[in-house]
Amino acid sequence: MERIPHYLRTTINKYKGLITEKVVVNYLMREGFICEIYLSVAEWRKRDWKDDLRHHKQLYERDLKIYSSELPPEDWDYLSTPTMTWDEYRKDELRHVKALMKDLEHSYLIDMEEEREFEYIWGPHLEQIRKYNEWLREYGHYQPDYVAKKGDKVFLMEVKSSLSGRRALSGEHQRKALLKAYDFGIMPMLLVVPISIGVEIGEPQLQTIEK
């Protein structure tokens, strides 16, 4: 077996990373953990749903007024819709605007429910995670993989692969950042995923294409 070329080794590493992520999430869920990508929790910001919805309703009311009128607005360009009269155009737009607002209200309800669930799960621990994240920004150049929760405990998960019994190394910089999590009431953990990948590369052969 020849030495693996750099481009192929890079491809294998990316593939290994994707597989490792899927294995980790499935494993943690099976073990009763709730798991999220670290940044999605550490940098989460609560949306102002009332202001968002109010803004869209104002736009809806404005469009509703425009397209409910039997007379076109002064700035309406007849040339932009040469095959439609104003009456045909406004009725089409009214259907579109009403359907859009209905879809928006439905999506807001779904998003708000997801936010309530997020708050229920992570709310009591968000302050811990955010304070640790603030320290981490000052410390620089490190970002954990996952944050997980089981019961009333929060865990910082660093994922490492173990290829042929050799575990990916953790530098001193990374180790210090992980251990610092204890100061914020977060338990750092290393999750090692054993991986075995075989690659066989044969000798290239140059062949002439016959007529």
C-alpha atoms as a PDB file:
ATOM      1  CA  MET A   1       0.000   0.000   0.000  1.00  0.00           C
ATOM      2  CA  GLU A   2       1.386   3.361  -1.101  1.00  0.00           C
ATOM      3  CA  ARG A   3       1.505   6.454   1.053  1.00  0.00           C
ATOM      4  CA  ILE A   4      -1.897   8.201   1.032  1.00  0.00           C
ATOM      5  CA  PRO A   5      -1.755  11.450  -1.007  1.00  0.00           C
ATOM      6  CA  HIS A   6      -2.481  14.695   0.850  1.00  0.00           C
ATOM      7  CA  TYR A   7      -5.699  15.445  -1.083  1.00  0.00           C
ATOM      8  CA  LEU A   8      -7.085  11.995  -0.272  1.00  0.00           C
ATOM      9  CA  ARG A   9      -6.031  12.217   3.360  1.00  0.00           C
ATOM     10  CA  THR A  10      -7.861  15.561   3.627  1.00  0.00           C
ATOM     11  CA  THR A  11     -11.006  14.008   2.133  1.00  0.00           C
ATOM     12  CA  ILE A  12     -10.825  11.091   4.575  1.00  0.00           C
ATOM     13  CA  ASN A  13     -10.456  13.489   7.528  1.00  0.00           C
ATOM     14  CA  LYS A  14     -13.564  15.425   6.465  1.00  0.00           C
ATOM     15  CA  TYR A  15     -15.513  12.199   6.046  1.00  0.00           C
ATOM     16  CA  LYS A  16     -14.253  11.009   9.430  1.00  0.00           C
ATOM     17  CA  GLY A  17     -15.395  14.274  11.030  1.00  0.00           C
ATOM     18  CA  LEU A  18     -18.919  14.023   9.593  1.00  0.00           C
ATOM     19  CA  ILE A  19     -19.312  10.404  10.670  1.00  0.00           C
ATOM     20  CA  THR A  20     -17.962  11.198  14.148  1.00  0.00           C
ATOM     21  CA  GLU A  21     -20.546  13.991  14.629  1.00  0.00           C
ATOM     22  CA  LYS A  22     -23.456  11.708  13.718  1.00  0.00           C
ATOM     23  CA  VAL A  23     -22.188   8.940  15.985  1.00  0.00           C
ATOM     24  CA  VAL A  24     -21.730  11.356  18.896  1.00  0.00           C
ATOM     25  CA  VAL A  25     -25.221  12.874  18.680  1.00  0.00           C
ATOM     26  CA  ASN A  26     -26.887   9.457  18.370  1.00  0.00           C
ATOM     27  CA  TYR A  27     -24.854   8.064  21.274  1.00  0.00           C
ATOM     28  CA  LEU A  28     -25.618  10.970  23.608  1.00  0.00           C
ATOM     29  CA  MET A  29     -29.339  10.851  22.836  1.00  0.00           C
ATOM     30  CA  ARG A  30     -29.362   7.102  23.443  1.00  0.00           C
ATOM     31  CA  GLU A  31     -27.677   7.668  26.804  1.00  0.00           C
ATOM     32  CA  GLY A  32     -30.336  10.168  27.860  1.00  0.00           C
ATOM     33  CA  PHE A  33     -28.453  13.411  27.158  1.00  0.00           C
ATOM     34  CA  ILE A  34     -29.928  16.456  25.494  1.00  0.00           C
ATOM     35  CA  CYS A  35     -27.255  17.665  23.109  1.00  0.00           C
ATOM     36  CA  GLU A  36     -26.723  20.854  21.089  1.00  0.00           C
ATOM     37  CA  ILE A  37     -23.839  22.333  19.125  1.00  0.00           C
ATOM     38  CA  TYR A  38     -21.978  24.528  21.612  1.00  0.00           C
ATOM     39  CA  LEU A  39     -22.357  27.866  19.806  1.00  0.00           C
ATOM     40  CA  SER A  40     -26.093  27.423  19.222  1.00  0.00           C
ATOM     41  CA  VAL A  41     -26.560  27.578  22.999  1.00  0.00           C
ATOM     42  CA  ALA A  42     -23.704  29.883  24.033  1.00  0.00           C
ATOM     43  CA  GLU A  43     -24.669  32.634  21.580  1.00  0.00           C
ATOM     44  CA  TRP A  44     -28.443  32.166  21.620  1.00  0.00           C
ATOM     45  CA  ARG A  45     -30.465  35.344  21.835  1.00  0.00           C
ATOM     46  CA  LYS A  46     -34.155  35.567  22.647  1.00  0.00           C
ATOM     47  CA  ARG A  47     -36.213  37.128  19.856  1.00  0.00           C
ATOM     48  CA  ASP A  48     -38.730  39.880  20.409  1.00  0.00           C
ATOM     49  CA  TRP A  49     -41.661  38.011  18.856  1.00  0.00           C
ATOM     50  CA  LYS A  50     -44.201  40.744  19.594  1.00  0.00           C
ATOM     51  CA  ASP A  51     -42.197  43.410  17.745  1.00  0.00           C
ATOM     52  CA  ASP A  52     -41.491  41.051  14.836  1.00  0.00           C
ATOM     53  CA  LEU A  53     -45.140  40.140  14.455  1.00  0.00           C
ATOM     54  CA  ARG A  54     -46.261  43.763  14.875  1.00  0.00           C
ATOM     55  CA  HIS A  55     -43.862  44.825  12.113  1.00  0.00           C
ATOM     56  CA  HIS A  56     -45.171  42.198   9.687  1.00  0.00           C
ATOM     57  CA  LYS A  57     -48.789  43.043  10.527  1.00  0.00           C
ATOM     58  CA  GLN A  58     -48.097  46.691   9.737  1.00  0.00           C
ATOM     59  CA  LEU A  59     -46.755  45.668   6.331  1.00  0.00           C
ATOM     60  CA  TYR A  60     -49.769  43.403   5.859  1.00  0.00           C
ATOM     61  CA  GLU A  61     -52.221  46.211   6.695  1.00  0.00           C
ATOM     62  CA  ARG A  62     -50.410  48.557   4.308  1.00  0.00           C
ATOM     63  CA  ASP A  63     -50.560  46.042   1.415  1.00  0.00           C
ATOM     64  CA  LEU A  64     -54.156  45.152   2.253  1.00  0.00           C
ATOM     65  CA  LYS A  65     -55.158  48.815   1.951  1.00  0.00           C
ATOM     66  CA  ILE A  66     -53.334  49.234  -1.369  1.00  0.00           C
ATOM     67  CA  TYR A  67     -54.749  46.128  -3.039  1.00  0.00           C
ATOM     68  CA  SER A  68     -58.264  46.565  -1.661  1.00  0.00           C
ATOM     69  CA  SER A  69     -58.638  49.829  -3.554  1.00  0.00           C
ATOM     70  CA  GLU A  70     -60.364  49.735  -6.923  1.00  0.00           C
ATOM     71  CA  LEU A  71     -58.088  52.542  -8.075  1.00  0.00           C
ATOM     72  CA  PRO A  72     -54.380  51.838  -8.608  1.00  0.00           C
ATOM     73  CA  PRO A  73     -51.806  53.859  -6.658  1.00  0.00           C
ATOM     74  CA  GLU A  74     -50.159  56.734  -8.502  1.00  0.00           C
ATOM     75  CA  ASP A  75     -46.826  54.936  -8.718  1.00  0.00           C
ATOM     76  CA  TRP A  76     -48.277  51.732 -10.171  1.00  0.00           C
ATOM     77  CA  ASP A  77     -46.548  50.911 -13.454  1.00  0.00           C
ATOM     78  CA  TYR A  78     -48.958  49.587 -16.077  1.00  0.00           C
ATOM     79  CA  LEU A  79     -46.037  48.528 -18.261  1.00  0.00           C
ATOM     80  CA  SER A  80     -44.810  46.071 -15.606  1.00  0.00           C
ATOM     81  CA  THR A  81     -47.979  43.971 -16.022  1.00  0.00           C
ATOM     82  CA  PRO A  82     -49.062  44.468 -19.663  1.00  0.00           C
ATOM     83  CA  THR A  83     -51.265  41.344 -19.679  1.00  0.00           C
ATOM     84  CA  MET A  84     -53.215  42.238 -16.514  1.00  0.00           C
ATOM     85  CA  THR A  85     -55.606  44.997 -15.576  1.00  0.00           C
ATOM     86  CA  TRP A  86     -55.280  46.671 -12.156  1.00  0.00           C
ATOM     87  CA  ASP A  87     -58.354  44.766 -10.972  1.00  0.00           C
ATOM     88  CA  GLU A  88     -56.849  41.402 -11.969  1.00  0.00           C
ATOM     89  CA  TYR A  89     -53.475  42.358 -10.520  1.00  0.00           C
ATOM     90  CA  ARG A  90     -54.793  43.580  -7.160  1.00  0.00           C
ATOM     91  CA  LYS A  91     -56.996  40.508  -6.645  1.00  0.00           C
ATOM     92  CA  ASP A  92     -54.007  38.261  -7.334  1.00  0.00           C
ATOM     93  CA  GLU A  93     -51.855  40.255  -4.901  1.00  0.00           C
ATOM     94  CA  LEU A  94     -54.589  40.187  -2.232  1.00  0.00           C
ATOM     95  CA  ARG A  95     -54.632  36.376  -2.336  1.00  0.00           C
ATOM     96  CA  HIS A  96     -50.851  36.333  -2.109  1.00  0.00           C
ATOM     97  CA  VAL A  97     -50.658  38.805   0.806  1.00  0.00           C
ATOM     98  CA  LYS A  98     -53.363  37.003   2.822  1.00  0.00           C
ATOM     99  CA  ALA A  99     -51.728  33.603   2.258  1.00  0.00           C
ATOM    100  CA  LEU A 100     -48.310  35.007   3.211  1.00  0.00           C
ATOM    101  CA  MET A 101     -49.613  36.492   6.463  1.00  0.00           C
ATOM    102  CA  LYS A 102     -51.332  33.231   7.360  1.00  0.00           C
ATOM    103  CA  ASP A 103     -48.083  31.307   6.771  1.00  0.00           C
ATOM    104  CA  LEU A 104     -46.109  33.856   8.809  1.00  0.00           C
ATOM    105  CA  GLU A 105     -48.450  33.610  11.788  1.00  0.00           C
ATOM    106  CA  HIS A 106     -48.234  29.810  11.631  1.00  0.00           C
ATOM    107  CA  SER A 107     -44.429  29.854  11.478  1.00  0.00           C
ATOM    108  CA  TYR A 108     -44.296  32.322  14.396  1.00  0.00           C
ATOM    109  CA  LEU A 109     -46.357  29.934  16.521  1.00  0.00           C
ATOM    110  CA  ILE A 110     -43.982  27.063  15.710  1.00  0.00           C
ATOM    111  CA  ASP A 111     -40.856  29.174  16.370  1.00  0.00           C
ATOM    112  CA  MET A 112     -42.250  30.500  19.645  1.00  0.00           C
ATOM    113  CA  GLU A 113     -43.027  26.966  20.807  1.00  0.00           C
ATOM    114  CA  GLU A 114     -39.460  25.887  19.952  1.00  0.00           C
ATOM    115  CA  GLU A 115     -38.116  28.886  21.882  1.00  0.00           C
ATOM    116  CA  ARG A 116     -40.226  28.001  24.927  1.00  0.00           C
ATOM    117  CA  GLU A 117     -38.885  24.453  24.789  1.00  0.00           C
ATOM    118  CA  PHE A 118     -35.313  25.770  24.471  1.00  0.00           C
ATOM    119  CA  GLU A 119     -35.841  28.048  27.487  1.00  0.00           C
ATOM    120  CA  TYR A 120     -37.290  25.168  29.481  1.00  0.00           C
ATOM    121  CA  ILE A 121     -34.272  22.953  28.752  1.00  0.00           C
ATOM    122  CA  TRP A 122     -31.386  25.432  28.896  1.00  0.00           C
ATOM    123  CA  GLY A 123     -32.862  28.433  30.732  1.00  0.00           C
ATOM    124  CA  PRO A 124     -31.504  27.592  34.211  1.00  0.00           C
ATOM    125  CA  HIS A 125     -28.012  27.044  32.748  1.00  0.00           C
ATOM    126  CA  LEU A 126     -27.743  29.763  30.098  1.00  0.00           C
ATOM    127  CA  GLU A 127     -26.013  32.174  32.468  1.00  0.00           C
ATOM    128  CA  GLN A 128     -23.317  29.594  33.283  1.00  0.00           C
ATOM    129  CA  ILE A 129     -22.723  28.817  29.611  1.00  0.00           C
ATOM    130  CA  ARG A 130     -22.661  32.486  28.588  1.00  0.00           C
ATOM    131  CA  LYS A 131     -20.210  33.463  31.330  1.00  0.00           C
ATOM    132  CA  TYR A 132     -17.923  30.607  30.301  1.00  0.00           C
ATOM    133  CA  ASN A 133     -18.262  31.710  26.671  1.00  0.00           C
ATOM    134  CA  GLU A 134     -17.257  35.268  27.608  1.00  0.00           C
ATOM    135  CA  TRP A 135     -14.133  33.924  29.306  1.00  0.00           C
ATOM    136  CA  LEU A 136     -13.460  31.728  26.288  1.00  0.00           C
ATOM    137  CA  ARG A 137     -13.575  34.710  23.926  1.00  0.00           C
ATOM    138  CA  GLU A 138     -10.896  36.475  25.949  1.00  0.00           C
ATOM    139  CA  TYR A 139      -8.863  33.277  26.181  1.00  0.00           C
ATOM    140  CA  GLY A 140      -9.124  32.905  22.413  1.00  0.00           C
ATOM    141  CA  HIS A 141      -8.890  30.351  19.646  1.00  0.00           C
ATOM    142  CA  TYR A 142     -10.898  27.497  21.077  1.00  0.00           C
ATOM    143  CA  GLN A 143     -14.475  26.394  20.709  1.00  0.00           C
ATOM    144  CA  PRO A 144     -15.948  23.223  22.283  1.00  0.00           C
ATOM    145  CA  ASP A 145     -17.915  20.838  20.086  1.00  0.00           C
ATOM    146  CA  TYR A 146     -21.114  20.305  22.059  1.00  0.00           C
ATOM    147  CA  VAL A 147     -22.906  21.268  25.224  1.00  0.00           C
ATOM    148  CA  ALA A 148     -25.095  18.560  26.750  1.00  0.00           C
ATOM    149  CA  LYS A 149     -27.526  18.234  29.630  1.00  0.00           C
ATOM    150  CA  LYS A 150     -28.620  15.270  31.683  1.00  0.00           C
ATOM    151  CA  GLY A 151     -30.798  15.764  34.735  1.00  0.00           C
ATOM    152  CA  ASP A 152     -29.735  19.058  36.312  1.00  0.00           C
ATOM    153  CA  LYS A 153     -26.106  18.833  35.160  1.00  0.00           C
ATOM    154  CA  VAL A 154     -24.507  20.520  32.164  1.00  0.00           C
ATOM    155  CA  PHE A 155     -21.566  19.040  30.279  1.00  0.00           C
ATOM    156  CA  LEU A 156     -19.047  20.443  27.837  1.00  0.00           C
ATOM    157  CA  MET A 157     -18.301  17.787  25.222  1.00  0.00           C
ATOM    158  CA  GLU A 158     -15.035  17.678  23.320  1.00  0.00           C
ATOM    159  CA  VAL A 159     -15.094  15.000  20.619  1.00  0.00           C
ATOM    160  CA  LYS A 160     -11.951  13.139  19.585  1.00  0.00           C
ATOM    161  CA  SER A 161     -11.561  10.295  17.150  1.00  0.00           C
ATOM    162  CA  SER A 162      -9.380   7.294  17.804  1.00  0.00           C
ATOM    163  CA  LEU A 163      -7.959   5.872  14.581  1.00  0.00           C
ATOM    164  CA  SER A 164      -6.303   2.458  14.864  1.00  0.00           C
ATOM    165  CA  GLY A 165      -6.034   2.909  18.638  1.00  0.00           C
ATOM    166  CA  ARG A 166      -4.347   6.325  18.366  1.00  0.00           C
ATOM    167  CA  ARG A 167      -6.416   9.158  19.808  1.00  0.00           C
ATOM    168  CA  ALA A 168      -6.303  12.649  18.322  1.00  0.00           C
ATOM    169  CA  LEU A 169      -4.190  14.857  20.552  1.00  0.00           C
ATOM    170  CA  SER A 170      -5.440  17.660  22.812  1.00  0.00           C
ATOM    171  CA  GLY A 171      -3.071  20.590  23.173  1.00  0.00           C
ATOM    172  CA  GLU A 172      -2.338  22.327  26.466  1.00  0.00           C
ATOM    173  CA  HIS A 173      -4.305  25.373  25.273  1.00  0.00           C
ATOM    174  CA  GLN A 174      -7.376  23.220  24.685  1.00  0.00           C
ATOM    175  CA  ARG A 175      -6.961  21.304  27.928  1.00  0.00           C
ATOM    176  CA  LYS A 176      -6.802  24.520  29.959  1.00  0.00           C
ATOM    177  CA  ALA A 177      -9.972  25.826  28.281  1.00  0.00           C
ATOM    178  CA  LEU A 178     -11.834  22.605  29.058  1.00  0.00           C
ATOM    179  CA  LEU A 179     -10.755  22.509  32.711  1.00  0.00           C
ATOM    180  CA  LYS A 180     -11.804  26.153  33.157  1.00  0.00           C
ATOM    181  CA  ALA A 181     -15.434  25.035  32.617  1.00  0.00           C
ATOM    182  CA  TYR A 182     -15.431  23.648  36.194  1.00  0.00           C
ATOM    183  CA  ASP A 183     -15.218  27.235  37.493  1.00  0.00           C
ATOM    184  CA  PHE A 184     -18.591  27.945  35.872  1.00  0.00           C
ATOM    185  CA  GLY A 185     -20.351  24.853  37.183  1.00  0.00           C
ATOM    186  CA  ILE A 186     -19.979  22.982  33.883  1.00  0.00           C
ATOM    187  CA  MET A 187     -18.422  19.527  33.700  1.00  0.00           C
ATOM    188  CA  PRO A 188     -16.001  19.039  30.778  1.00  0.00           C
ATOM    189  CA  MET A 189     -15.936  15.608  29.176  1.00  0.00           C
ATOM    190  CA  LEU A 190     -13.973  13.941  26.418  1.00  0.00           C
ATOM    191  CA  LEU A 191     -15.946  11.716  24.068  1.00  0.00           C
ATOM    192  CA  VAL A 192     -13.680   9.375  22.133  1.00  0.00           C
ATOM    193  CA  VAL A 193     -15.015   7.693  18.996  1.00  0.00           C
ATOM    194  CA  PRO A 194     -13.033   4.689  17.687  1.00  0.00           C
ATOM    195  CA  ILE A 195     -12.824   4.719  13.878  1.00  0.00           C
ATOM    196  CA  SER A 196     -11.332   2.246  11.452  1.00  0.00           C
ATOM    197  CA  ILE A 197     -10.901   3.283   7.815  1.00  0.00           C
ATOM    198  CA  GLY A 198      -9.114   1.205   5.211  1.00  0.00           C
ATOM    199  CA  VAL A 199      -7.809   2.698   1.969  1.00  0.00           C
ATOM    200  CA  GLU A 200      -6.175   0.685  -0.805  1.00  0.00           C
ATOM    201  CA  ILE A 201      -4.502   2.580  -3.630  1.00  0.00           C
ATOM    202  CA  GLY A 202      -3.331   0.658  -6.660  1.00  0.00           C
ATOM    203  CA  GLU A 203      -0.751   1.625  -9.288  1.00  0.00           C
ATOM    204  CA  PRO A 204      -2.256   3.926 -11.968  1.00  0.00           C
ATOM    205  CA  GLN A 205      -2.319   2.525 -15.503  1.00  0.00           C
ATOM    206  CA  LEU A 206      -2.205   4.618 -18.662  1.00  0.00           C
ATOM    207  CA  GLN A 207      -4.230   3.076 -21.499  1.00  0.00           C
ATOM    208  CA  THR A 208      -4.671   4.107 -25.103  1.00  0.00           C
ATOM    209  CA  ILE A 209      -8.235   4.334 -26.416  1.00  0.00           C
ATOM    210  CA  GLU A 210      -8.393   2.275 -29.624  1.00  0.00           C
ATOM    211  CA  LYS A 211     -10.325   3.467 -32.649  1.00  0.00           C
END
